[in-house]
Amino acid sequence: MNSRFDSPSGFFSHFHYWVGKLTSGMLLPVGLLFFVVGVGMGMLNVAFVVGTAATEGIVTGVQGRTRFEYTVDGKMFTGQSKTISDPPAYSVGDRVPVRYKKNAPGTARLASFMELWFFPIFFPLIGIALVGAMCVSELRASKESGGESGSTTPAE
């Protein structure tokens, strides 16, 4: 019985080929997902910032998420950051920039880079890197197979 899987090198050659194909095939959809999620988060944050006003708040707690209080038209509101930082980015009593919705002053976010823009920038960059890694992987595989397009199995 003479099979291409009879020798250990034949098995590992095919194993390496298919693992590479599966990994490369997953990079595109995962990369695109990261990109789309990041762009969507950015669009939501831009929409939030456009409809808000700025004020200053005071940090009231820092266990996990930063909690803060702020005043709009003489009325006190409380808010909580969307991100968790350890160690805390602020200390109790710190003054922090806050953005609140003009038509719903109880809805607010800290006006910091980390809170508003880190993930909308970071996610698309990860997506671009993953798609780029897929392209490099495919180019390398194409060169190794002699540039034959449509090759579906490793060289025997």
C-alpha atoms as a PDB file:
ATOM      1  CA  MET A   1       0.000   0.000   0.000  1.00  0.00           C
ATOM      2  CA  ASN A   2       1.718   3.142  -1.198  1.00  0.00           C
ATOM      3  CA  SER A   3      -0.016   6.307   0.023  1.00  0.00           C
ATOM      4  CA  ARG A   4       1.242   9.844   0.311  1.00  0.00           C
ATOM      5  CA  PHE A   5       0.540   9.534   4.065  1.00  0.00           C
ATOM      6  CA  ASP A   6       2.708   6.409   4.543  1.00  0.00           C
ATOM      7  CA  SER A   7       5.801   8.383   5.507  1.00  0.00           C
ATOM      8  CA  PRO A   8       5.852  10.859   8.405  1.00  0.00           C
ATOM      9  CA  SER A   9       7.154  13.601   6.121  1.00  0.00           C
ATOM     10  CA  GLY A  10       4.200  13.091   3.743  1.00  0.00           C
ATOM     11  CA  PHE A  11       1.701  13.345   6.594  1.00  0.00           C
ATOM     12  CA  PHE A  12       3.292  16.476   8.039  1.00  0.00           C
ATOM     13  CA  SER A  13       3.588  18.077   4.625  1.00  0.00           C
ATOM     14  CA  HIS A  14      -0.160  17.709   4.067  1.00  0.00           C
ATOM     15  CA  PHE A  15      -0.981  18.623   7.665  1.00  0.00           C
ATOM     16  CA  HIS A  16       1.095  21.824   7.393  1.00  0.00           C
ATOM     17  CA  TYR A  17      -0.544  22.659   4.061  1.00  0.00           C
ATOM     18  CA  TRP A  18      -4.121  22.278   5.326  1.00  0.00           C
ATOM     19  CA  VAL A  19      -3.484  24.066   8.626  1.00  0.00           C
ATOM     20  CA  GLY A  20      -2.005  26.930   6.613  1.00  0.00           C
ATOM     21  CA  LYS A  21      -5.025  26.997   4.290  1.00  0.00           C
ATOM     22  CA  LEU A  22      -7.504  26.956   7.193  1.00  0.00           C
ATOM     23  CA  THR A  23      -5.628  29.656   9.085  1.00  0.00           C
ATOM     24  CA  SER A  24      -5.278  31.808   5.995  1.00  0.00           C
ATOM     25  CA  GLY A  25      -8.949  31.280   5.157  1.00  0.00           C
ATOM     26  CA  MET A  26     -10.008  32.441   8.622  1.00  0.00           C
ATOM     27  CA  LEU A  27      -7.912  35.610   8.576  1.00  0.00           C
ATOM     28  CA  LEU A  28     -10.063  37.331   5.952  1.00  0.00           C
ATOM     29  CA  PRO A  29     -13.470  36.994   7.658  1.00  0.00           C
ATOM     30  CA  VAL A  30     -12.070  37.673  11.132  1.00  0.00           C
ATOM     31  CA  GLY A  31     -10.098  40.658   9.828  1.00  0.00           C
ATOM     32  CA  LEU A  32     -13.144  42.044   8.053  1.00  0.00           C
ATOM     33  CA  LEU A  33     -15.236  41.526  11.197  1.00  0.00           C
ATOM     34  CA  PHE A  34     -12.732  43.486  13.306  1.00  0.00           C
ATOM     35  CA  PHE A  35     -12.657  46.236  10.692  1.00  0.00           C
ATOM     36  CA  VAL A  36     -16.452  46.529  10.412  1.00  0.00           C
ATOM     37  CA  VAL A  37     -16.982  46.437  14.197  1.00  0.00           C
ATOM     38  CA  GLY A  38     -14.347  49.132  14.720  1.00  0.00           C
ATOM     39  CA  VAL A  39     -15.750  51.391  12.018  1.00  0.00           C
ATOM     40  CA  GLY A  40     -19.253  50.880  13.434  1.00  0.00           C
ATOM     41  CA  MET A  41     -18.071  51.786  16.928  1.00  0.00           C
ATOM     42  CA  GLY A  42     -16.405  54.883  15.527  1.00  0.00           C
ATOM     43  CA  MET A  43     -19.564  55.949  13.723  1.00  0.00           C
ATOM     44  CA  LEU A  44     -21.623  55.492  16.892  1.00  0.00           C
ATOM     45  CA  ASN A  45     -19.116  57.545  18.883  1.00  0.00           C
ATOM     46  CA  VAL A  46     -19.060  60.320  16.288  1.00  0.00           C
ATOM     47  CA  ALA A  47     -22.874  60.402  16.369  1.00  0.00           C
ATOM     48  CA  PHE A  48     -22.753  60.566  20.165  1.00  0.00           C
ATOM     49  CA  VAL A  49     -20.182  63.384  20.278  1.00  0.00           C
ATOM     50  CA  VAL A  50     -22.033  65.461  17.648  1.00  0.00           C
ATOM     51  CA  GLY A  51     -25.208  65.490  19.775  1.00  0.00           C
ATOM     52  CA  THR A  52     -23.529  66.270  23.085  1.00  0.00           C
ATOM     53  CA  ALA A  53     -22.345  69.160  25.189  1.00  0.00           C
ATOM     54  CA  ALA A  54     -19.210  69.314  27.319  1.00  0.00           C
ATOM     55  CA  THR A  55     -18.981  69.818  31.039  1.00  0.00           C
ATOM     56  CA  GLU A  56     -16.676  68.872  33.878  1.00  0.00           C
ATOM     57  CA  GLY A  57     -17.290  66.081  36.340  1.00  0.00           C
ATOM     58  CA  ILE A  58     -15.739  64.763  39.531  1.00  0.00           C
ATOM     59  CA  VAL A  59     -14.620  61.164  39.998  1.00  0.00           C
ATOM     60  CA  THR A  60     -16.553  59.485  42.809  1.00  0.00           C
ATOM     61  CA  GLY A  61     -15.274  55.914  42.502  1.00  0.00           C
ATOM     62  CA  VAL A  62     -12.597  53.934  40.690  1.00  0.00           C
ATOM     63  CA  GLN A  63     -13.247  50.244  41.404  1.00  0.00           C
ATOM     64  CA  GLY A  64     -13.215  48.696  37.938  1.00  0.00           C
ATOM     65  CA  ARG A  65     -15.087  51.350  35.994  1.00  0.00           C
ATOM     66  CA  THR A  66     -14.660  55.019  36.814  1.00  0.00           C
ATOM     67  CA  ARG A  67     -17.788  56.521  38.347  1.00  0.00           C
ATOM     68  CA  PHE A  68     -18.322  60.281  38.134  1.00  0.00           C
ATOM     69  CA  GLU A  69     -20.795  63.036  38.947  1.00  0.00           C
ATOM     70  CA  TYR A  70     -21.544  66.097  36.846  1.00  0.00           C
ATOM     71  CA  THR A  71     -24.018  68.961  36.963  1.00  0.00           C
ATOM     72  CA  VAL A  72     -26.252  70.241  34.139  1.00  0.00           C
ATOM     73  CA  ASP A  73     -28.494  73.261  34.736  1.00  0.00           C
ATOM     74  CA  GLY A  74     -28.122  72.885  38.506  1.00  0.00           C
ATOM     75  CA  LYS A  75     -29.126  69.194  38.515  1.00  0.00           C
ATOM     76  CA  MET A  76     -26.641  66.494  39.595  1.00  0.00           C
ATOM     77  CA  PHE A  77     -26.171  63.388  37.435  1.00  0.00           C
ATOM     78  CA  THR A  78     -23.971  60.333  37.790  1.00  0.00           C
ATOM     79  CA  GLY A  79     -22.199  58.343  35.104  1.00  0.00           C
ATOM     80  CA  GLN A  80     -19.869  55.418  34.669  1.00  0.00           C
ATOM     81  CA  SER A  81     -17.089  54.813  32.159  1.00  0.00           C
ATOM     82  CA  LYS A  82     -17.501  52.131  29.504  1.00  0.00           C
ATOM     83  CA  THR A  83     -13.917  50.924  29.908  1.00  0.00           C
ATOM     84  CA  ILE A  84     -12.210  49.231  32.825  1.00  0.00           C
ATOM     85  CA  SER A  85      -8.679  50.203  33.754  1.00  0.00           C
ATOM     86  CA  ASP A  86      -6.332  48.583  36.233  1.00  0.00           C
ATOM     87  CA  PRO A  87      -4.634  50.520  37.675  1.00  0.00           C
ATOM     88  CA  PRO A  88      -7.357  53.157  37.630  1.00  0.00           C
ATOM     89  CA  ALA A  89      -6.846  56.027  35.199  1.00  0.00           C
ATOM     90  CA  TYR A  90      -8.225  58.510  37.747  1.00  0.00           C
ATOM     91  CA  SER A  91      -8.356  59.018  41.495  1.00  0.00           C
ATOM     92  CA  VAL A  92     -11.419  59.879  43.556  1.00  0.00           C
ATOM     93  CA  GLY A  93     -11.842  63.654  43.492  1.00  0.00           C
ATOM     94  CA  ASP A  94     -10.154  64.155  40.094  1.00  0.00           C
ATOM     95  CA  ARG A  95     -11.863  66.536  37.700  1.00  0.00           C
ATOM     96  CA  VAL A  96     -12.692  64.846  34.393  1.00  0.00           C
ATOM     97  CA  PRO A  97     -14.095  66.036  31.051  1.00  0.00           C
ATOM     98  CA  VAL A  98     -17.612  64.743  30.431  1.00  0.00           C
ATOM     99  CA  ARG A  99     -19.845  64.766  27.334  1.00  0.00           C
ATOM    100  CA  TYR A 100     -23.596  64.445  27.894  1.00  0.00           C
ATOM    101  CA  LYS A 101     -26.544  64.280  25.518  1.00  0.00           C
ATOM    102  CA  LYS A 102     -28.207  67.665  25.247  1.00  0.00           C
ATOM    103  CA  ASN A 103     -31.693  66.155  25.073  1.00  0.00           C
ATOM    104  CA  ALA A 104     -30.969  63.517  27.764  1.00  0.00           C
ATOM    105  CA  PRO A 105     -28.413  64.928  30.229  1.00  0.00           C
ATOM    106  CA  GLY A 106     -28.437  61.685  32.238  1.00  0.00           C
ATOM    107  CA  THR A 107     -26.637  59.959  29.355  1.00  0.00           C
ATOM    108  CA  ALA A 108     -22.945  60.808  29.519  1.00  0.00           C
ATOM    109  CA  ARG A 109     -19.461  59.486  28.861  1.00  0.00           C
ATOM    110  CA  LEU A 110     -16.019  60.508  29.920  1.00  0.00           C
ATOM    111  CA  ALA A 111     -14.525  62.628  27.150  1.00  0.00           C
ATOM    112  CA  SER A 112     -11.187  60.806  27.003  1.00  0.00           C
ATOM    113  CA  PHE A 113      -9.312  59.197  24.116  1.00  0.00           C
ATOM    114  CA  MET A 114      -9.509  55.781  25.767  1.00  0.00           C
ATOM    115  CA  GLU A 115     -13.239  56.031  26.319  1.00  0.00           C
ATOM    116  CA  LEU A 116     -14.252  57.382  22.923  1.00  0.00           C
ATOM    117  CA  TRP A 117     -11.609  56.545  20.325  1.00  0.00           C
ATOM    118  CA  PHE A 118      -9.259  53.724  21.382  1.00  0.00           C
ATOM    119  CA  PHE A 119     -11.402  50.770  20.235  1.00  0.00           C
ATOM    120  CA  PRO A 120     -12.747  52.468  17.067  1.00  0.00           C
ATOM    121  CA  ILE A 121      -9.116  53.010  16.000  1.00  0.00           C
ATOM    122  CA  PHE A 122      -7.616  49.781  17.375  1.00  0.00           C
ATOM    123  CA  PHE A 123     -10.192  47.331  15.936  1.00  0.00           C
ATOM    124  CA  PRO A 124      -9.881  48.423  12.288  1.00  0.00           C
ATOM    125  CA  LEU A 125      -6.081  48.368  12.585  1.00  0.00           C
ATOM    126  CA  ILE A 126      -6.242  44.775  13.851  1.00  0.00           C
ATOM    127  CA  GLY A 127      -8.584  43.953  10.951  1.00  0.00           C
ATOM    128  CA  ILE A 128      -6.191  45.469   8.416  1.00  0.00           C
ATOM    129  CA  ALA A 129      -3.280  43.550   9.972  1.00  0.00           C
ATOM    130  CA  LEU A 130      -5.179  40.246   9.779  1.00  0.00           C
ATOM    131  CA  VAL A 131      -6.179  40.782   6.142  1.00  0.00           C
ATOM    132  CA  GLY A 132      -2.590  41.804   5.380  1.00  0.00           C
ATOM    133  CA  ALA A 133      -1.313  38.622   7.057  1.00  0.00           C
ATOM    134  CA  MET A 134      -3.711  36.609   4.908  1.00  0.00           C
ATOM    135  CA  CYS A 135      -2.448  38.303   1.746  1.00  0.00           C
ATOM    136  CA  VAL A 136       1.186  37.644   2.696  1.00  0.00           C
ATOM    137  CA  SER A 137       0.344  34.025   3.508  1.00  0.00           C
ATOM    138  CA  GLU A 138      -1.385  33.548   0.160  1.00  0.00           C
ATOM    139  CA  LEU A 139       1.472  35.206  -1.743  1.00  0.00           C
ATOM    140  CA  ARG A 140       4.005  33.007   0.026  1.00  0.00           C
ATOM    141  CA  ALA A 141       1.956  29.878  -0.722  1.00  0.00           C
ATOM    142  CA  SER A 142       1.630  30.934  -4.356  1.00  0.00           C
ATOM    143  CA  LYS A 143       5.402  31.382  -4.675  1.00  0.00           C
ATOM    144  CA  GLU A 144       6.062  28.005  -2.995  1.00  0.00           C
ATOM    145  CA  SER A 145       3.716  26.249  -5.422  1.00  0.00           C
ATOM    146  CA  GLY A 146       5.458  27.821  -8.396  1.00  0.00           C
ATOM    147  CA  GLY A 147       2.865  30.514  -8.921  1.00  0.00           C
ATOM    148  CA  GLU A 148       0.201  28.135 -10.167  1.00  0.00           C
ATOM    149  CA  SER A 149      -3.196  29.646  -9.550  1.00  0.00           C
ATOM    150  CA  GLY A 150      -5.950  27.335  -8.426  1.00  0.00           C
ATOM    151  CA  SER A 151      -3.559  24.791  -6.878  1.00  0.00           C
ATOM    152  CA  THR A 152      -5.557  22.873  -4.270  1.00  0.00           C
ATOM    153  CA  THR A 153      -3.055  20.364  -2.904  1.00  0.00           C
ATOM    154  CA  PRO A 154       0.576  20.454  -1.909  1.00  0.00           C
ATOM    155  CA  ALA A 155       3.183  19.259  -4.363  1.00  0.00           C
ATOM    156  CA  GLU A 156       3.621  15.495  -4.234  1.00  0.00           C
END
